[in-house]
C-alpha cells in the first residue's frame, strides 16, 4: 500500500513549486509552503516523507493524497521528452495536397463552430475517446502520409485564428492526425510567475503546432 494522488488529480513541479490540476473541477492550484515541501519530499524519496508526517497527514485529510493497495510507489509527474524542434519554426518540406488542405481547413472550422470555448475536461475526453477507438498499438512516429497531413494542417494557419485557442487547436490537430493513424502526444502544461497554462501536440522531441520558444517555459502536467 502506498500514497497516491486521488483520481482526476494531476501534478507537476513548475519553477520549483508543486502545481496540481483537478481535472474534475477544471481547476489548477498550488500548495502552501509546508505542504509543498512535504509533497516534494514524498515524491523525491520514493514514498518516504521523513519528518513531514504532519504535512502528509494534511494532504490526506484534504483529499489530495489517498492510500491505495494496488500502488507501490509515490505519485509521478508526466514523463515527456524536452522539446528540441518545432514544425512551426521549421515546417516539414514537401508539397501540400490540396484535398488534405481543404480537409484540414474544414476540420478546424467545424471545431471552431462546435467546440470553441469549452473546458479542459471536454478536450481531454475528446482526445481520450480518440485513443480508446484506436484498434492498433499507438503509433507516435509519422509516416509519409501523416506527415503530409500535418503539412497541410499547418498550411491553414494563415486562414484560421488560433490566438488563445491552444486547447481547441491542439485537440483538433490530434483528432485530425489520429484519424489518419498517427497518435502523437496531447500535452497540457503550466508555468509560474506569472501562472499560465498552455496546450500543444508533440511527437518525440518535436512540437507539431507551436513555436519552440513558446513551449519551453512550460512544464507538462497532463500528457495523453
Protein backbone atom coordinates (compact mmCIF):
# COMPACT_ATOMS: atom_id res chain seq x y z
CA UNK A 1 0.00 0.00 0.00
CA UNK A 2 1.28 3.47 -0.90
CA UNK A 3 0.15 7.06 -1.07
CA UNK A 4 -1.15 8.21 -4.43
CA UNK A 5 -2.98 11.18 -5.89
CA UNK A 6 -6.73 10.80 -5.82
CA UNK A 7 -8.41 10.14 -9.18
CA UNK A 8 -8.66 13.07 -11.61
CA UNK A 9 -5.77 14.87 -9.89
CA UNK A 10 -2.52 15.53 -11.76
CA UNK A 11 0.64 17.34 -10.73
CA UNK A 12 3.99 18.70 -11.81
CA UNK A 13 6.77 20.78 -10.27
CA UNK A 14 7.00 24.06 -12.19
CA UNK A 15 9.64 26.61 -11.27
CA UNK A 16 10.26 24.75 -8.02
CA UNK A 17 6.60 24.69 -6.89
CA UNK A 18 4.05 21.89 -6.91
CA UNK A 19 1.13 22.68 -9.20
CA UNK A 20 -1.96 20.46 -9.13
CA UNK A 21 -4.68 20.09 -11.73
CA UNK A 22 -8.08 18.95 -10.51
CA UNK A 23 -9.46 17.78 -13.83
CA UNK A 24 -12.93 17.05 -12.45
CA UNK A 25 -13.28 20.67 -11.32
CA UNK A 26 -11.23 22.18 -14.16
CA UNK A 27 -9.03 23.95 -11.61
CA UNK A 28 -5.30 24.49 -11.09
CA UNK A 29 -3.95 25.21 -7.63
CA UNK A 30 -0.69 25.37 -5.68
CA UNK A 31 0.10 24.13 -2.17
CA UNK A 32 1.08 26.22 0.86
CA UNK A 33 4.82 26.06 1.58
CA UNK A 34 4.71 23.35 4.31
CA UNK A 35 2.50 21.06 2.20
CA UNK A 36 4.55 21.77 -0.92
CA UNK A 37 7.70 20.72 0.90
CA UNK A 38 6.05 17.57 2.28
CA UNK A 39 4.72 16.58 -1.15
CA UNK A 40 8.07 17.11 -2.88
CA UNK A 41 9.84 15.13 -0.15
CA UNK A 42 7.40 12.24 -0.64
CA UNK A 43 7.94 12.12 -4.41
CA UNK A 44 11.71 12.64 -4.27
CA UNK A 45 12.30 9.91 -1.67
CA UNK A 46 10.26 7.20 -3.34
CA UNK A 47 7.42 7.34 -0.83
CA UNK A 48 9.34 8.19 2.33
CA UNK A 49 8.48 11.53 3.91
CA UNK A 50 10.91 11.78 6.83
CA UNK A 51 9.84 14.38 9.37
CA UNK A 52 6.95 15.70 7.24
CA UNK A 53 4.32 13.49 8.92
CA UNK A 54 2.04 16.43 9.70
CA UNK A 55 2.18 17.77 6.15
CA UNK A 56 1.44 14.36 4.64
CA UNK A 57 -1.46 13.85 7.05
CA UNK A 58 -2.88 17.23 5.99
CA UNK A 59 -2.59 16.26 2.33
CA UNK A 60 -4.53 13.07 3.05
CA UNK A 61 -7.17 14.92 5.08
CA UNK A 62 -7.63 17.43 2.25
CA UNK A 63 -8.21 14.60 -0.22
CA UNK A 64 -5.10 15.32 -2.28
CA UNK A 65 -3.37 12.08 -1.35
CA UNK A 66 -5.05 8.74 -0.78
CA UNK A 67 -3.84 5.28 0.18
CA UNK A 68 -4.14 2.58 -2.48
CA UNK A 69 -3.39 -1.10 -2.05
CA UNK A 70 -2.53 -1.57 -5.74
CA UNK A 71 0.08 1.21 -5.79
CA UNK A 72 3.69 0.55 -4.81
CA UNK A 73 5.29 3.97 -5.19
CA UNK A 74 4.64 7.70 -4.81
CA UNK A 75 2.87 9.90 -7.40
CA UNK A 76 4.77 10.55 -10.61
CA UNK A 77 4.70 13.67 -12.76
CA UNK A 78 4.20 13.18 -16.52
CA UNK A 79 7.23 11.99 -18.47
CA UNK A 80 7.82 13.65 -21.83
CA UNK A 81 10.99 14.37 -23.84
CA UNK A 82 12.04 18.01 -23.58
CA UNK A 83 11.10 19.72 -26.87
CA UNK A 84 14.06 20.34 -29.15
CA UNK A 85 12.39 21.01 -32.52
CA UNK A 86 9.24 22.63 -33.86
CA UNK A 87 7.42 22.09 -37.14
CA UNK A 88 6.03 25.62 -36.82
CA UNK A 89 9.56 27.05 -36.75
CA UNK A 90 10.78 24.64 -39.46
CA UNK A 91 7.84 23.13 -41.38
CA UNK A 92 8.34 19.68 -42.93
CA UNK A 93 9.47 20.03 -46.53
CA UNK A 94 7.23 18.91 -49.36
CA UNK A 95 4.14 19.85 -51.32
CA UNK A 96 0.70 20.41 -49.81
CA UNK A 97 -2.05 18.13 -51.09
CA UNK A 98 -4.98 20.46 -51.90
CA UNK A 99 -7.59 17.90 -50.86
CA UNK A 100 -5.92 17.32 -47.48
CA UNK A 101 -5.58 21.09 -47.11
CA UNK A 102 -9.33 21.53 -47.58
CA UNK A 103 -10.00 18.68 -45.14
CA UNK A 104 -7.78 20.38 -42.53
CA UNK A 105 -9.49 23.71 -43.09
CA UNK A 106 -12.94 22.13 -42.77
CA UNK A 107 -11.94 20.24 -39.60
CA UNK A 108 -10.83 23.45 -37.91
CA UNK A 109 -13.84 25.47 -38.96
CA UNK A 110 -16.14 22.71 -37.75
CA UNK A 111 -14.26 22.56 -34.44
CA UNK A 112 -14.49 26.33 -34.05
CA UNK A 113 -18.25 26.11 -34.51
CA UNK A 114 -18.86 23.04 -32.32
CA UNK A 115 -16.24 23.13 -29.56
CA UNK A 116 -14.96 26.70 -29.10
CA UNK A 117 -14.99 27.98 -25.50
CA UNK A 118 -15.42 24.57 -23.86
CA UNK A 119 -13.48 23.41 -20.81
CA UNK A 120 -10.30 21.38 -20.42
CA UNK A 121 -12.20 18.22 -19.29
CA UNK A 122 -14.14 18.31 -22.58
CA UNK A 123 -10.96 18.33 -24.66
CA UNK A 124 -9.33 15.63 -22.52
CA UNK A 125 -12.37 13.39 -23.04
CA UNK A 126 -12.28 14.13 -26.76
CA UNK A 127 -8.63 13.07 -27.06
CA UNK A 128 -9.12 10.08 -24.73
CA UNK A 129 -12.05 8.87 -26.83
CA UNK A 130 -9.89 9.00 -29.96
CA UNK A 131 -7.22 6.91 -28.26
CA UNK A 132 -9.81 4.41 -27.00
CA UNK A 133 -11.20 3.95 -30.52
CA UNK A 134 -7.81 3.03 -31.93
CA UNK A 135 -7.64 -0.72 -32.58
CA UNK A 136 -3.90 -0.79 -33.20
CA UNK A 137 -0.89 -0.17 -30.99
CA UNK A 138 -0.21 3.51 -30.60
CA UNK A 139 1.83 4.93 -33.48
CA UNK A 140 3.71 8.04 -32.39
CA UNK A 141 6.13 8.35 -35.34
CA UNK A 142 4.77 9.86 -38.56
CA UNK A 143 4.58 8.12 -41.91
CA UNK A 144 4.99 9.99 -45.19
CA UNK A 145 1.19 10.18 -45.43
CA UNK A 146 0.60 11.51 -41.92
CA UNK A 147 3.49 13.97 -42.23
CA UNK A 148 1.78 15.24 -45.36
CA UNK A 149 -1.44 15.64 -43.37
CA UNK A 150 0.42 17.71 -40.78
CA UNK A 151 1.99 19.81 -43.56
CA UNK A 152 -1.48 20.54 -44.94
CA UNK A 153 -2.83 21.36 -41.48
CA UNK A 154 -0.01 23.81 -40.76
CA UNK A 155 -0.59 25.50 -44.12
CA UNK A 156 -4.05 26.57 -42.93
CA UNK A 157 -2.62 28.66 -40.08
CA UNK A 158 -2.82 31.79 -42.22
CA UNK A 159 -6.58 31.32 -42.62
CA UNK A 160 -7.59 30.21 -39.11
CA UNK A 161 -7.50 32.34 -35.96
CA UNK A 162 -5.57 30.39 -33.30
CA UNK A 163 -4.85 33.06 -30.69
CA UNK A 164 -5.89 31.96 -27.18
CA UNK A 165 -7.27 28.69 -28.58
CA UNK A 166 -4.47 26.28 -27.72
CA UNK A 167 -6.80 23.61 -26.30
CA UNK A 168 -9.20 23.70 -29.22
CA UNK A 169 -6.45 23.77 -31.83
CA UNK A 170 -4.39 21.03 -30.19
CA UNK A 171 -7.37 18.70 -29.73
CA UNK A 172 -8.45 19.33 -33.32
CA UNK A 173 -4.96 18.62 -34.68
CA UNK A 174 -4.70 15.46 -32.56
CA UNK A 175 -8.04 14.24 -33.91
CA UNK A 176 -7.07 15.14 -37.49
CA UNK A 177 -3.86 13.11 -37.25
CA UNK A 178 -5.36 10.24 -35.23
CA UNK A 179 -7.95 9.61 -37.94
CA UNK A 180 -5.03 9.07 -40.29
CA UNK A 181 -3.24 6.65 -37.97
CA UNK A 182 -0.81 8.96 -36.17
CA UNK A 183 -1.24 9.32 -32.40
CA UNK A 184 1.23 11.90 -31.05
CA UNK A 185 1.09 13.28 -27.52
CA UNK A 186 -1.51 15.80 -26.36
CA UNK A 187 0.21 17.97 -23.77
CA UNK A 188 -1.20 20.29 -21.10
CA UNK A 189 1.46 22.30 -19.28
CA UNK A 190 1.84 25.15 -16.80
CA UNK A 191 4.31 27.80 -15.73
CA UNK A 192 4.60 30.02 -12.66
CA UNK A 193 5.37 33.71 -12.04
CA UNK A 194 3.00 34.59 -13.60
CA UNK A 195 0.84 31.48 -13.72
CA UNK A 196 -0.29 30.36 -17.15
CA UNK A 197 -1.47 27.13 -18.75
CA UNK A 198 -0.88 26.00 -22.31
CA UNK A 199 -1.50 23.02 -24.59
CA UNK A 200 0.21 21.62 -27.66
CA UNK A 201 0.76 18.40 -29.64
CA UNK A 202 4.18 16.74 -29.58
CA UNK A 203 5.85 13.75 -31.26
CA UNK A 204 9.12 12.68 -29.65
CA UNK A 205 11.14 15.87 -29.20
CA UNK A 206 9.21 17.77 -31.88
CA UNK A 207 6.37 20.21 -31.19
CA UNK A 208 3.84 20.00 -34.00
CA UNK A 209 1.73 23.13 -33.61
CA UNK A 210 3.64 25.82 -31.73
CA UNK A 211 6.97 27.60 -31.65
CA UNK A 212 9.74 26.07 -29.59
CA UNK A 213 10.47 29.23 -27.61
CA UNK A 214 6.80 29.45 -26.67
CA UNK A 215 6.51 25.98 -25.11
CA UNK A 216 9.90 25.68 -23.38
CA UNK A 217 8.93 27.81 -20.33
CA UNK A 218 6.09 25.37 -19.57
CA UNK A 219 6.19 22.14 -17.56
CA UNK A 220 3.84 19.29 -18.61
CA UNK A 221 1.17 18.46 -16.03
CA UNK A 222 -1.03 16.14 -18.15
CA UNK A 223 0.09 14.09 -21.15
CA UNK A 224 -2.19 11.84 -23.20
